[in-house]
Amino acid sequence: MGHSTNDVMTAQDAEGITSLLRDWREGDDAALDQLAPLVYGELRRIARRCLRGERAGGTLQTTGLVHEAFLRLLGVRRIQWTDHAHFFAVMTRLMRRVLVDQARRRGYQKRGGDAVRVSLDDDAHAVPERSIDLVALDEAISRLADHAPRKARVVELRFFGGLANEEVAAVLGVSVDTVKREWRTARLWLLQMLSGD
């Protein structure tokens, strides 16, 4: 893939990340220590994207979210890593789980007063953001995954991971046109679900 999830990441960096992931999976704990500094900057970018809209004073900050996701990664070391993009996709999912679990612990009610402000619009500046409860969004994405798993993955990677269409296409092994089509239909479905239609 000519363009990675991080514009300054070289092909050599990407190959190094993939190699370290495979070494770690095979039991080399030192590989994870070597991996961390290579991916930390990109993970912080993903974490910032995941945290946008979090209410001020939320208990997790960017660094904390990255560390929580890394802790959860330790429990899934047996993943058959395909490449660095696969790693960032898994970390995006783990960050989503951390945030949703935290929201559940805080006792958010569906469409409740403490709803996290998120936008599912292609251009967040074009339309005012609507308040959508993170737990409700997570439940809607999970329901979408029940009958359209790829659409749910597109939403997760674009919305939570902040990946561009080209990056999502590379992770999922589909064309950019497919990603654009899946995003459009998934976004409409989620907006309908979240508005109660």
Protein backbone atom coordinates (compact mmCIF):
# COMPACT_ATOMS: atom_id res chain seq x y z
CA MET A 1 0.00 0.00 0.00
CA GLY A 2 1.53 3.28 -1.04
CA HIS A 3 -0.09 5.38 1.70
CA SER A 4 -0.10 4.24 5.30
CA THR A 5 -2.21 5.26 8.27
CA ASN A 6 0.51 7.76 9.12
CA ASP A 7 1.77 10.03 6.35
CA VAL A 8 5.34 9.99 7.73
CA MET A 9 5.42 6.22 8.15
CA THR A 10 7.69 4.65 5.57
CA ALA A 11 7.22 1.27 3.95
CA GLN A 12 10.18 0.10 6.04
CA ASP A 13 8.43 1.27 9.24
CA ALA A 14 5.28 -0.55 8.20
CA GLU A 15 7.18 -3.77 7.52
CA GLY A 16 9.00 -3.40 10.84
CA ILE A 17 5.70 -3.02 12.70
CA THR A 18 4.27 -6.11 11.00
CA SER A 19 7.40 -8.12 11.79
CA LEU A 20 7.36 -7.07 15.47
CA LEU A 21 3.66 -7.96 15.75
CA ARG A 22 4.34 -11.44 14.41
CA ASP A 23 7.34 -11.87 16.74
CA TRP A 24 5.21 -10.80 19.71
CA ARG A 25 2.45 -13.21 18.69
CA GLU A 26 5.03 -16.00 18.67
CA GLY A 27 6.01 -15.24 22.27
CA ASP A 28 8.74 -12.59 22.00
CA ASP A 29 7.69 -10.11 24.72
CA ALA A 30 10.58 -7.78 23.85
CA ALA A 31 8.96 -7.21 20.44
CA LEU A 32 6.07 -5.35 22.09
CA ASP A 33 8.53 -3.04 23.84
CA GLN A 34 10.14 -2.29 20.48
CA LEU A 35 6.75 -1.83 18.83
CA ALA A 36 5.38 0.76 21.27
CA PRO A 37 7.56 3.74 20.23
CA LEU A 38 6.97 3.00 16.52
CA VAL A 39 3.17 3.17 16.83
CA TYR A 40 2.69 5.59 19.72
CA GLY A 41 2.25 8.75 17.64
CA GLU A 42 -0.36 7.20 15.37
CA LEU A 43 -2.19 5.66 18.34
CA ARG A 44 -2.37 9.08 20.00
CA ARG A 45 -3.89 10.50 16.78
CA ILE A 46 -6.50 7.72 16.77
CA ALA A 47 -7.17 8.27 20.48
CA ARG A 48 -7.69 12.02 19.94
CA ARG A 49 -10.18 11.19 17.21
CA CYS A 50 -11.99 8.70 19.46
CA LEU A 51 -12.13 11.23 22.30
CA ARG A 52 -13.45 14.15 20.26
CA GLY A 53 -16.75 15.22 21.69
CA GLU A 54 -16.02 13.72 25.12
CA ARG A 55 -17.38 16.00 27.80
CA ALA A 56 -14.86 18.17 29.58
CA GLY A 57 -13.58 16.51 32.70
CA GLY A 58 -13.97 13.01 31.26
CA THR A 59 -11.78 10.57 33.12
CA LEU A 60 -9.79 9.43 30.08
CA GLN A 61 -7.33 11.58 28.19
CA THR A 62 -5.43 10.69 25.01
CA THR A 63 -2.48 9.00 26.75
CA GLY A 64 -4.75 7.09 29.11
CA LEU A 65 -6.87 5.79 26.25
CA VAL A 66 -3.78 4.57 24.38
CA HIS A 67 -2.52 2.81 27.53
CA GLU A 68 -5.90 1.21 28.27
CA ALA A 69 -6.10 -0.09 24.70
CA PHE A 70 -2.55 -1.49 24.97
CA LEU A 71 -3.52 -3.30 28.17
CA ARG A 72 -6.46 -4.89 26.37
CA LEU A 73 -4.19 -5.80 23.46
CA LEU A 74 -2.22 -8.01 25.86
CA GLY A 75 -5.30 -10.21 26.14
CA VAL A 76 -5.57 -10.79 22.39
CA ARG A 77 -1.97 -11.50 21.45
CA ARG A 78 -2.91 -14.57 19.37
CA ILE A 79 -4.26 -12.45 16.51
CA GLN A 80 -2.98 -13.46 13.06
CA TRP A 81 -1.55 -10.05 12.15
CA THR A 82 -1.67 -9.29 8.44
CA ASP A 83 0.04 -5.90 8.43
CA HIS A 84 0.41 -2.60 10.29
CA ALA A 85 -3.00 -1.37 9.09
CA HIS A 86 -4.60 -4.43 10.69
CA PHE A 87 -2.89 -3.50 13.97
CA PHE A 88 -4.27 0.05 13.87
CA ALA A 89 -7.73 -1.30 13.05
CA VAL A 90 -7.60 -3.62 16.08
CA MET A 91 -6.39 -0.79 18.30
CA THR A 92 -9.23 1.42 17.05
CA ARG A 93 -11.72 -1.28 18.04
CA LEU A 94 -10.09 -1.65 21.46
CA MET A 95 -10.26 2.11 22.05
CA ARG A 96 -13.92 2.09 21.09
CA ARG A 97 -14.54 -0.69 23.63
CA VAL A 98 -12.68 1.23 26.36
CA LEU A 99 -14.77 4.36 25.76
CA VAL A 100 -18.06 2.49 25.59
CA ASP A 101 -17.26 0.52 28.75
CA GLN A 102 -16.42 3.78 30.51
CA ALA A 103 -19.66 5.37 29.29
CA ARG A 104 -21.64 2.39 30.57
CA ARG A 105 -19.93 2.65 33.97
CA ARG A 106 -20.85 6.32 34.14
CA GLY A 107 -24.43 5.22 33.64
CA TYR A 108 -25.30 7.14 30.50
CA GLN A 109 -28.94 6.80 29.53
CA LYS A 110 -29.84 6.41 25.89
CA ARG A 111 -30.14 9.89 24.42
CA GLY A 112 -29.52 11.16 27.96
CA GLY A 113 -28.26 14.46 29.25
CA ASP A 114 -24.58 13.52 29.27
CA ALA A 115 -24.56 12.39 25.65
CA VAL A 116 -21.21 12.60 23.93
CA ARG A 117 -21.38 15.01 20.98
CA VAL A 118 -20.53 13.18 17.80
CA SER A 119 -21.27 13.72 14.15
CA LEU A 120 -21.74 11.14 11.43
CA ASP A 121 -21.59 13.75 8.68
CA ASP A 122 -18.93 13.55 5.98
CA ASP A 123 -18.07 17.18 6.61
CA ALA A 124 -18.59 17.93 10.28
CA HIS A 125 -18.35 21.66 9.57
CA ALA A 126 -21.17 21.66 7.05
CA VAL A 127 -23.93 20.67 9.48
CA PRO A 128 -24.21 21.38 13.20
CA GLU A 129 -23.29 18.35 15.29
CA ARG A 130 -26.12 16.43 16.89
CA SER A 131 -25.73 15.00 20.35
CA ILE A 132 -25.56 11.23 20.10
CA ASP A 133 -24.99 9.05 23.13
CA LEU A 134 -21.81 6.99 22.66
CA VAL A 135 -23.48 3.91 24.14
CA ALA A 136 -26.44 4.30 21.76
CA LEU A 137 -24.02 4.69 18.84
CA ASP A 138 -22.10 1.58 19.90
CA GLU A 139 -25.35 -0.40 20.18
CA ALA A 140 -26.42 0.81 16.73
CA ILE A 141 -23.04 -0.18 15.22
CA SER A 142 -23.34 -3.61 16.86
CA ARG A 143 -26.82 -4.06 15.40
CA LEU A 144 -25.52 -2.98 12.00
CA ALA A 145 -22.72 -5.57 12.35
CA ASP A 146 -25.34 -8.31 12.84
CA HIS A 147 -26.58 -7.97 9.26
CA ALA A 148 -23.84 -5.94 7.53
CA PRO A 149 -20.48 -6.60 9.23
CA ARG A 150 -18.39 -4.83 6.59
CA LYS A 151 -20.50 -1.66 6.83
CA ALA A 152 -20.00 -1.69 10.60
CA ARG A 153 -16.22 -2.05 10.15
CA VAL A 154 -16.20 0.86 7.70
CA VAL A 155 -17.99 3.03 10.26
CA GLU A 156 -15.65 1.95 13.03
CA LEU A 157 -12.50 2.61 11.01
CA ARG A 158 -13.67 5.92 9.57
CA PHE A 159 -15.49 7.29 12.59
CA PHE A 160 -13.42 6.06 15.51
CA GLY A 161 -10.12 5.44 13.74
CA GLY A 162 -10.18 8.52 11.54
CA LEU A 163 -8.90 6.50 8.59
CA ALA A 164 -9.33 7.86 5.08
CA ASN A 165 -11.32 5.87 2.52
CA GLU A 166 -8.10 4.58 0.96
CA GLU A 167 -6.83 3.34 4.32
CA VAL A 168 -10.14 1.64 5.14
CA ALA A 169 -10.07 -0.02 1.71
CA ALA A 170 -6.57 -1.36 2.40
CA VAL A 171 -7.54 -2.72 5.83
CA LEU A 172 -10.68 -4.42 4.52
CA GLY A 173 -9.21 -5.54 1.19
CA VAL A 174 -11.90 -3.82 -0.91
CA SER A 175 -11.99 -0.95 -3.40
CA VAL A 176 -12.23 2.69 -2.38
CA ASP A 177 -15.56 2.90 -4.26
CA THR A 178 -16.89 0.05 -2.12
CA VAL A 179 -15.82 1.87 1.05
CA LYS A 180 -17.53 5.08 -0.10
CA ARG A 181 -20.74 3.20 -0.91
CA GLU A 182 -20.70 1.26 2.38
CA TRP A 183 -20.06 4.45 4.37
CA ARG A 184 -22.96 6.29 2.71
CA THR A 185 -25.49 3.54 3.34
CA ALA A 186 -24.19 2.71 6.85
CA ARG A 187 -24.26 6.37 7.87
CA LEU A 188 -27.87 6.77 6.72
CA TRP A 189 -28.89 3.57 8.52
CA LEU A 190 -27.20 4.69 11.75
CA LEU A 191 -28.74 8.16 11.60
CA GLN A 192 -32.18 6.58 11.18
CA MET A 193 -31.54 4.21 14.09
CA LEU A 194 -30.30 6.98 16.36
CA SER A 195 -33.19 9.28 15.53
CA GLY A 196 -35.64 6.51 16.39
CA ASP A 197 -37.15 6.23 12.89
